[in-house]
Amino acid sequence: MCDYGCRLTDAAPSVEVNGAAATCTNELGGIYYGKVLTANSIFCFNKVGTLLEDGKTIRWDDGVIWKRVTRPAY
């Protein structure tokens, strides 16, 4: 979920890492292809996202914050 600096939409932002490649989906559902920079950072959307120490939060260099939410088991 987008926690700060978000656009109001129904799309869930996401990041999928496959080796050195990253596929990122923004809050509008737009897909972007990026790359892994380090063990804790990726480049997508023409900006750098850093995974914080909690392992659940990505802080993008423009101030936007994404937080991982777990889906309830049904």
PDB file of N, CA and C in Angstrom:
ATOM      1  N   MET A   1       0.838  -1.175   0.000  1.00  0.00           N
ATOM      2  CA  MET A   1       0.000   0.000   0.000  1.00  0.00           C
ATOM      3  C   MET A   1       0.884   1.240   0.000  1.00  0.00           C
ATOM      4  N   CYS A   2       0.392   2.269  -0.593  1.00  0.00           N
ATOM      5  CA  CYS A   2       1.121   3.530  -0.573  1.00  0.00           C
ATOM      6  C   CYS A   2       0.717   4.268   0.690  1.00  0.00           C
ATOM      7  N   ASP A   3       1.702   4.679   1.483  1.00  0.00           N
ATOM      8  CA  ASP A   3       1.448   5.245   2.801  1.00  0.00           C
ATOM      9  C   ASP A   3       1.615   6.762   2.846  1.00  0.00           C
ATOM     10  N   TYR A   4       2.407   7.334   1.952  1.00  0.00           N
ATOM     11  CA  TYR A   4       2.657   8.770   1.970  1.00  0.00           C
ATOM     12  C   TYR A   4       2.959   9.246   0.560  1.00  0.00           C
ATOM     13  N   GLY A   5       2.429  10.383   0.179  1.00  0.00           N
ATOM     14  CA  GLY A   5       2.699  10.969  -1.128  1.00  0.00           C
ATOM     15  C   GLY A   5       2.005  10.222  -2.248  1.00  0.00           C
ATOM     16  N   CYS A   6       0.877   9.630  -1.948  1.00  0.00           N
ATOM     17  CA  CYS A   6       0.188   8.743  -2.877  1.00  0.00           C
ATOM     18  C   CYS A   6      -0.830   9.480  -3.737  1.00  0.00           C
ATOM     19  N   ARG A   7      -1.147   8.847  -4.847  1.00  0.00           N
ATOM     20  CA  ARG A   7      -2.277   9.287  -5.661  1.00  0.00           C
ATOM     21  C   ARG A   7      -3.469   8.431  -5.266  1.00  0.00           C
ATOM     22  N   LEU A   8      -4.661   8.990  -5.256  1.00  0.00           N
ATOM     23  CA  LEU A   8      -5.845   8.249  -4.838  1.00  0.00           C
ATOM     24  C   LEU A   8      -6.374   7.409  -5.992  1.00  0.00           C
ATOM     25  N   THR A   9      -6.150   6.091  -5.901  1.00  0.00           N
ATOM     26  CA  THR A   9      -6.632   5.144  -6.908  1.00  0.00           C
ATOM     27  C   THR A   9      -6.963   3.840  -6.208  1.00  0.00           C
ATOM     28  N   ASP A  10      -7.487   2.905  -6.974  1.00  0.00           N
ATOM     29  CA  ASP A  10      -7.781   1.580  -6.433  1.00  0.00           C
ATOM     30  C   ASP A  10      -6.667   0.579  -6.699  1.00  0.00           C
ATOM     31  N   ALA A  11      -5.660   0.959  -7.464  1.00  0.00           N
ATOM     32  CA  ALA A  11      -4.581   0.030  -7.805  1.00  0.00           C
ATOM     33  C   ALA A  11      -3.614  -0.124  -6.633  1.00  0.00           C
ATOM     34  N   ALA A  12      -3.136  -1.331  -6.439  1.00  0.00           N
ATOM     35  CA  ALA A  12      -2.163  -1.602  -5.382  1.00  0.00           C
ATOM     36  C   ALA A  12      -0.758  -1.544  -5.980  1.00  0.00           C
ATOM     37  N   PRO A  13       0.110  -0.660  -5.487  1.00  0.00           N
ATOM     38  CA  PRO A  13       1.478  -0.617  -6.006  1.00  0.00           C
ATOM     39  C   PRO A  13       2.215  -1.887  -5.629  1.00  0.00           C
ATOM     40  N   SER A  14       3.176  -2.265  -6.468  1.00  0.00           N
ATOM     41  CA  SER A  14       3.935  -3.486  -6.185  1.00  0.00           C
ATOM     42  C   SER A  14       5.308  -3.434  -6.820  1.00  0.00           C
ATOM     43  N   VAL A  15       6.183  -4.300  -6.294  1.00  0.00           N
ATOM     44  CA  VAL A  15       7.527  -4.483  -6.842  1.00  0.00           C
ATOM     45  C   VAL A  15       7.781  -5.977  -6.906  1.00  0.00           C
ATOM     46  N   GLU A  16       8.260  -6.433  -8.054  1.00  0.00           N
ATOM     47  CA  GLU A  16       8.660  -7.828  -8.207  1.00  0.00           C
ATOM     48  C   GLU A  16      10.104  -7.841  -8.683  1.00  0.00           C
ATOM     49  N   VAL A  17      10.954  -8.561  -7.955  1.00  0.00           N
ATOM     50  CA  VAL A  17      12.370  -8.648  -8.302  1.00  0.00           C
ATOM     51  C   VAL A  17      12.659 -10.042  -8.839  1.00  0.00           C
ATOM     52  N   ASN A  18      13.342 -10.083  -9.987  1.00  0.00           N
ATOM     53  CA  ASN A  18      13.746 -11.343 -10.598  1.00  0.00           C
ATOM     54  C   ASN A  18      15.199 -11.198 -11.008  1.00  0.00           C
ATOM     55  N   GLY A  19      16.106 -11.682 -10.152  1.00  0.00           N
ATOM     56  CA  GLY A  19      17.530 -11.506 -10.406  1.00  0.00           C
ATOM     57  C   GLY A  19      17.891 -10.043 -10.277  1.00  0.00           C
ATOM     58  N   ALA A  20      18.446  -9.456 -11.334  1.00  0.00           N
ATOM     59  CA  ALA A  20      18.837  -8.043 -11.316  1.00  0.00           C
ATOM     60  C   ALA A  20      17.753  -7.134 -11.887  1.00  0.00           C
ATOM     61  N   ALA A  21      16.633  -7.726 -12.323  1.00  0.00           N
ATOM     62  CA  ALA A  21      15.549  -6.948 -12.921  1.00  0.00           C
ATOM     63  C   ALA A  21      14.440  -6.698 -11.899  1.00  0.00           C
ATOM     64  N   ALA A  22      13.786  -5.545 -12.009  1.00  0.00           N
ATOM     65  CA  ALA A  22      12.656  -5.205 -11.151  1.00  0.00           C
ATOM     66  C   ALA A  22      11.485  -4.780 -12.029  1.00  0.00           C
ATOM     67  N   THR A  23      10.311  -5.299 -11.713  1.00  0.00           N
ATOM     68  CA  THR A  23       9.078  -4.876 -12.371  1.00  0.00           C
ATOM     69  C   THR A  23       8.247  -4.174 -11.320  1.00  0.00           C
ATOM     70  N   CYS A  24       7.917  -2.922 -11.570  1.00  0.00           N
ATOM     71  CA  CYS A  24       7.224  -2.094 -10.588  1.00  0.00           C
ATOM     72  C   CYS A  24       5.889  -1.629 -11.164  1.00  0.00           C
ATOM     73  N   THR A  25       4.871  -1.639 -10.318  1.00  0.00           N
ATOM     74  CA  THR A  25       3.548  -1.155 -10.698  1.00  0.00           C
ATOM     75  C   THR A  25       3.191  -0.007  -9.769  1.00  0.00           C
ATOM     76  N   ASN A  26       2.852   1.137 -10.340  1.00  0.00           N
ATOM     77  CA  ASN A  26       2.527   2.298  -9.510  1.00  0.00           C
ATOM     78  C   ASN A  26       1.073   2.283  -9.073  1.00  0.00           C
ATOM     79  N   GLU A  27       0.656   3.312  -8.334  1.00  0.00           N
ATOM     80  CA  GLU A  27      -0.692   3.398  -7.796  1.00  0.00           C
ATOM     81  C   GLU A  27      -1.761   3.556  -8.874  1.00  0.00           C
ATOM     82  N   LEU A  28      -1.340   3.889 -10.096  1.00  0.00           N
ATOM     83  CA  LEU A  28      -2.280   4.033 -11.205  1.00  0.00           C
ATOM     84  C   LEU A  28      -2.354   2.773 -12.055  1.00  0.00           C
ATOM     85  N   GLY A  29      -1.575   1.742 -11.688  1.00  0.00           N
ATOM     86  CA  GLY A  29      -1.555   0.500 -12.442  1.00  0.00           C
ATOM     87  C   GLY A  29      -0.534   0.484 -13.563  1.00  0.00           C
ATOM     88  N   GLY A  30       0.270   1.549 -13.695  1.00  0.00           N
ATOM     89  CA  GLY A  30       1.299   1.611 -14.736  1.00  0.00           C
ATOM     90  C   GLY A  30       2.465   0.700 -14.403  1.00  0.00           C
ATOM     91  N   ILE A  31       2.927  -0.064 -15.391  1.00  0.00           N
ATOM     92  CA  ILE A  31       4.041  -0.992 -15.189  1.00  0.00           C
ATOM     93  C   ILE A  31       5.329  -0.353 -15.699  1.00  0.00           C
ATOM     94  N   TYR A  32       6.366  -0.449 -14.885  1.00  0.00           N
ATOM     95  CA  TYR A  32       7.682   0.086 -15.216  1.00  0.00           C
ATOM     96  C   TYR A  32       8.715  -1.001 -14.990  1.00  0.00           C
ATOM     97  N   TYR A  33       9.727  -1.024 -15.838  1.00  0.00           N
ATOM     98  CA  TYR A  33      10.808  -1.996 -15.709  1.00  0.00           C
ATOM     99  C   TYR A  33      12.048  -1.274 -15.220  1.00  0.00           C
ATOM    100  N   GLY A  34      12.637  -1.816 -14.181  1.00  0.00           N
ATOM    101  CA  GLY A  34      13.806  -1.196 -13.594  1.00  0.00           C
ATOM    102  C   GLY A  34      14.863  -2.226 -13.288  1.00  0.00           C
ATOM    103  N   LYS A  35      15.706  -1.906 -12.302  1.00  0.00           N
ATOM    104  CA  LYS A  35      16.793  -2.822 -11.961  1.00  0.00           C
ATOM    105  C   LYS A  35      17.126  -2.733 -10.483  1.00  0.00           C
ATOM    106  N   VAL A  36      17.712  -3.797  -9.992  1.00  0.00           N
ATOM    107  CA  VAL A  36      18.194  -3.845  -8.623  1.00  0.00           C
ATOM    108  C   VAL A  36      19.535  -3.115  -8.584  1.00  0.00           C
ATOM    109  N   LEU A  37      19.690  -2.203  -7.643  1.00  0.00           N
ATOM    110  CA  LEU A  37      20.943  -1.462  -7.492  1.00  0.00           C
ATOM    111  C   LEU A  37      21.842  -2.105  -6.434  1.00  0.00           C
ATOM    112  N   THR A  38      21.250  -2.411  -5.275  1.00  0.00           N
ATOM    113  CA  THR A  38      21.973  -3.062  -4.174  1.00  0.00           C
ATOM    114  C   THR A  38      21.011  -4.050  -3.533  1.00  0.00           C
ATOM    115  N   ALA A  39      21.450  -4.698  -2.470  1.00  0.00           N
ATOM    116  CA  ALA A  39      20.577  -5.638  -1.765  1.00  0.00           C
ATOM    117  C   ALA A  39      19.348  -4.941  -1.181  1.00  0.00           C
ATOM    118  N   ASN A  40      19.422  -3.610  -0.979  1.00  0.00           N
ATOM    119  CA  ASN A  40      18.321  -2.877  -0.363  1.00  0.00           C
ATOM    120  C   ASN A  40      17.776  -1.739  -1.204  1.00  0.00           C
ATOM    121  N   SER A  41      18.124  -1.676  -2.496  1.00  0.00           N
ATOM    122  CA  SER A  41      17.608  -0.575  -3.305  1.00  0.00           C
ATOM    123  C   SER A  41      17.352  -1.004  -4.747  1.00  0.00           C
ATOM    124  N   ILE A  42      16.350  -0.347  -5.344  1.00  0.00           N
ATOM    125  CA  ILE A  42      16.004  -0.593  -6.740  1.00  0.00           C
ATOM    126  C   ILE A  42      15.841   0.742  -7.459  1.00  0.00           C
ATOM    127  N   PHE A  43      15.935   0.684  -8.775  1.00  0.00           N
ATOM    128  CA  PHE A  43      15.674   1.842  -9.617  1.00  0.00           C
ATOM    129  C   PHE A  43      14.443   1.526 -10.455  1.00  0.00           C
ATOM    130  N   CYS A  44      13.394   2.309 -10.275  1.00  0.00           N
ATOM    131  CA  CYS A  44      12.146   2.162 -11.026  1.00  0.00           C
ATOM    132  C   CYS A  44      11.483   3.531 -11.055  1.00  0.00           C
ATOM    133  N   PHE A  45      10.653   3.787 -12.039  1.00  0.00           N
ATOM    134  CA  PHE A  45       9.943   5.074 -12.157  1.00  0.00           C
ATOM    135  C   PHE A  45      10.916   6.249 -12.268  1.00  0.00           C
ATOM    136  N   ASN A  46      12.131   6.016 -12.725  1.00  0.00           N
ATOM    137  CA  ASN A  46      13.168   7.049 -12.801  1.00  0.00           C
ATOM    138  C   ASN A  46      13.524   7.610 -11.433  1.00  0.00           C
ATOM    139  N   LYS A  47      13.431   6.776 -10.411  1.00  0.00           N
ATOM    140  CA  LYS A  47      13.827   7.155  -9.057  1.00  0.00           C
ATOM    141  C   LYS A  47      14.311   5.918  -8.309  1.00  0.00           C
ATOM    142  N   VAL A  48      14.950   6.137  -7.178  1.00  0.00           N
ATOM    143  CA  VAL A  48      15.514   5.052  -6.380  1.00  0.00           C
ATOM    144  C   VAL A  48      14.599   4.785  -5.188  1.00  0.00           C
ATOM    145  N   GLY A  49      14.317   3.512  -4.967  1.00  0.00           N
ATOM    146  CA  GLY A  49      13.555   3.087  -3.804  1.00  0.00           C
ATOM    147  C   GLY A  49      14.466   2.302  -2.879  1.00  0.00           C
ATOM    148  N   THR A  50      14.439   2.621  -1.593  1.00  0.00           N
ATOM    149  CA  THR A  50      15.289   1.955  -0.616  1.00  0.00           C
ATOM    150  C   THR A  50      14.424   1.195   0.373  1.00  0.00           C
ATOM    151  N   LEU A  51      14.737  -0.084   0.549  1.00  0.00           N
ATOM    152  CA  LEU A  51      14.052  -0.907   1.533  1.00  0.00           C
ATOM    153  C   LEU A  51      14.587  -0.545   2.907  1.00  0.00           C
ATOM    154  N   LEU A  52      13.682  -0.167   3.822  1.00  0.00           N
ATOM    155  CA  LEU A  52      14.102   0.235   5.157  1.00  0.00           C
ATOM    156  C   LEU A  52      14.346  -0.988   6.040  1.00  0.00           C
ATOM    157  N   GLU A  53      14.902  -0.750   7.219  1.00  0.00           N
ATOM    158  CA  GLU A  53      15.303  -1.824   8.127  1.00  0.00           C
ATOM    159  C   GLU A  53      14.165  -2.737   8.540  1.00  0.00           C
ATOM    160  N   ASP A  54      12.914  -2.249   8.530  1.00  0.00           N
ATOM    161  CA  ASP A  54      11.794  -3.101   8.933  1.00  0.00           C
ATOM    162  C   ASP A  54      11.478  -4.183   7.900  1.00  0.00           C
ATOM    163  N   GLY A  55      12.081  -4.081   6.697  1.00  0.00           N
ATOM    164  CA  GLY A  55      11.859  -5.071   5.647  1.00  0.00           C
ATOM    165  C   GLY A  55      10.491  -4.985   4.998  1.00  0.00           C
ATOM    166  N   LYS A  56       9.694  -3.982   5.369  1.00  0.00           N
ATOM    167  CA  LYS A  56       8.333  -3.841   4.856  1.00  0.00           C
ATOM    168  C   LYS A  56       8.069  -2.493   4.201  1.00  0.00           C
ATOM    169  N   THR A  57       9.021  -1.583   4.283  1.00  0.00           N
ATOM    170  CA  THR A  57       8.798  -0.215   3.814  1.00  0.00           C
ATOM    171  C   THR A  57       9.815   0.156   2.741  1.00  0.00           C
ATOM    172  N   ILE A  58       9.323   0.712   1.639  1.00  0.00           N
ATOM    173  CA  ILE A  58      10.192   1.278   0.604  1.00  0.00           C
ATOM    174  C   ILE A  58      10.007   2.785   0.643  1.00  0.00           C
ATOM    175  N   ARG A  59      11.105   3.484   0.770  1.00  0.00           N
ATOM    176  CA  ARG A  59      11.095   4.949   0.708  1.00  0.00           C
ATOM    177  C   ARG A  59      11.714   5.345  -0.619  1.00  0.00           C
ATOM    178  N   TRP A  60      10.914   5.991  -1.460  1.00  0.00           N
ATOM    179  CA  TRP A  60      11.401   6.462  -2.753  1.00  0.00           C
ATOM    180  C   TRP A  60      12.087   7.807  -2.561  1.00  0.00           C
ATOM    181  N   ASP A  61      13.058   8.107  -3.430  1.00  0.00           N
ATOM    182  CA  ASP A  61      13.855   9.322  -3.238  1.00  0.00           C
ATOM    183  C   ASP A  61      13.062  10.619  -3.446  1.00  0.00           C
ATOM    184  N   ASP A  62      11.804  10.531  -3.902  1.00  0.00           N
ATOM    185  CA  ASP A  62      10.970  11.732  -3.992  1.00  0.00           C
ATOM    186  C   ASP A  62      10.058  11.887  -2.770  1.00  0.00           C
ATOM    187  N   GLY A  63      10.244  11.021  -1.749  1.00  0.00           N
ATOM    188  CA  GLY A  63       9.485  11.130  -0.513  1.00  0.00           C
ATOM    189  C   GLY A  63       8.289  10.199  -0.404  1.00  0.00           C
ATOM    190  N   VAL A  64       7.891   9.556  -1.497  1.00  0.00           N
ATOM    191  CA  VAL A  64       6.767   8.615  -1.451  1.00  0.00           C
ATOM    192  C   VAL A  64       7.175   7.395  -0.634  1.00  0.00           C
ATOM    193  N   ILE A  65       6.241   6.881   0.177  1.00  0.00           N
ATOM    194  CA  ILE A  65       6.518   5.720   1.022  1.00  0.00           C
ATOM    195  C   ILE A  65       5.498   4.627   0.729  1.00  0.00           C
ATOM    196  N   TRP A  66       6.002   3.422   0.470  1.00  0.00           N
ATOM    197  CA  TRP A  66       5.160   2.249   0.293  1.00  0.00           C
ATOM    198  C   TRP A  66       5.396   1.315   1.463  1.00  0.00           C
ATOM    199  N   LYS A  67       4.319   0.699   1.969  1.00  0.00           N
ATOM    200  CA  LYS A  67       4.433  -0.278   3.047  1.00  0.00           C
ATOM    201  C   LYS A  67       3.777  -1.577   2.620  1.00  0.00           C
ATOM    202  N   ARG A  68       4.443  -2.691   2.916  1.00  0.00           N
ATOM    203  CA  ARG A  68       3.890  -4.008   2.608  1.00  0.00           C
ATOM    204  C   ARG A  68       2.773  -4.318   3.587  1.00  0.00           C
ATOM    205  N   VAL A  69       1.686  -4.797   3.041  1.00  0.00           N
ATOM    206  CA  VAL A  69       0.594  -5.268   3.873  1.00  0.00           C
ATOM    207  C   VAL A  69       0.369  -6.739   3.548  1.00  0.00           C
ATOM    208  N   THR A  70       0.056  -7.498   4.574  1.00  0.00           N
ATOM    209  CA  THR A  70      -0.207  -8.913   4.354  1.00  0.00           C
ATOM    210  C   THR A  70      -1.702  -9.103   4.138  1.00  0.00           C
ATOM    211  N   ARG A  71      -2.010  -9.990   3.235  1.00  0.00           N
ATOM    212  CA  ARG A  71      -3.411 -10.272   2.956  1.00  0.00           C
ATOM    213  C   ARG A  71      -3.931 -11.278   3.975  1.00  0.00           C
ATOM    214  N   PRO A  72      -5.133 -11.072   4.447  1.00  0.00           N
ATOM    215  CA  PRO A  72      -5.693 -12.027   5.390  1.00  0.00           C
ATOM    216  C   PRO A  72      -5.972 -13.371   4.708  1.00  0.00           C
ATOM    217  N   ALA A  73      -5.746 -14.447   5.454  1.00  0.00           N
ATOM    218  CA  ALA A  73      -6.027 -15.786   4.925  1.00  0.00           C
ATOM    219  C   ALA A  73      -7.524 -16.051   5.006  1.00  0.00           C
ATOM    220  N   TYR A  74      -8.090 -16.581   3.948  1.00  0.00           N
ATOM    221  CA  TYR A  74      -9.521 -16.899   3.934  1.00  0.00           C
ATOM    222  C   TYR A  74      -9.715 -18.379   3.887  1.00  0.00           C
TER     223      TYR A  74
END
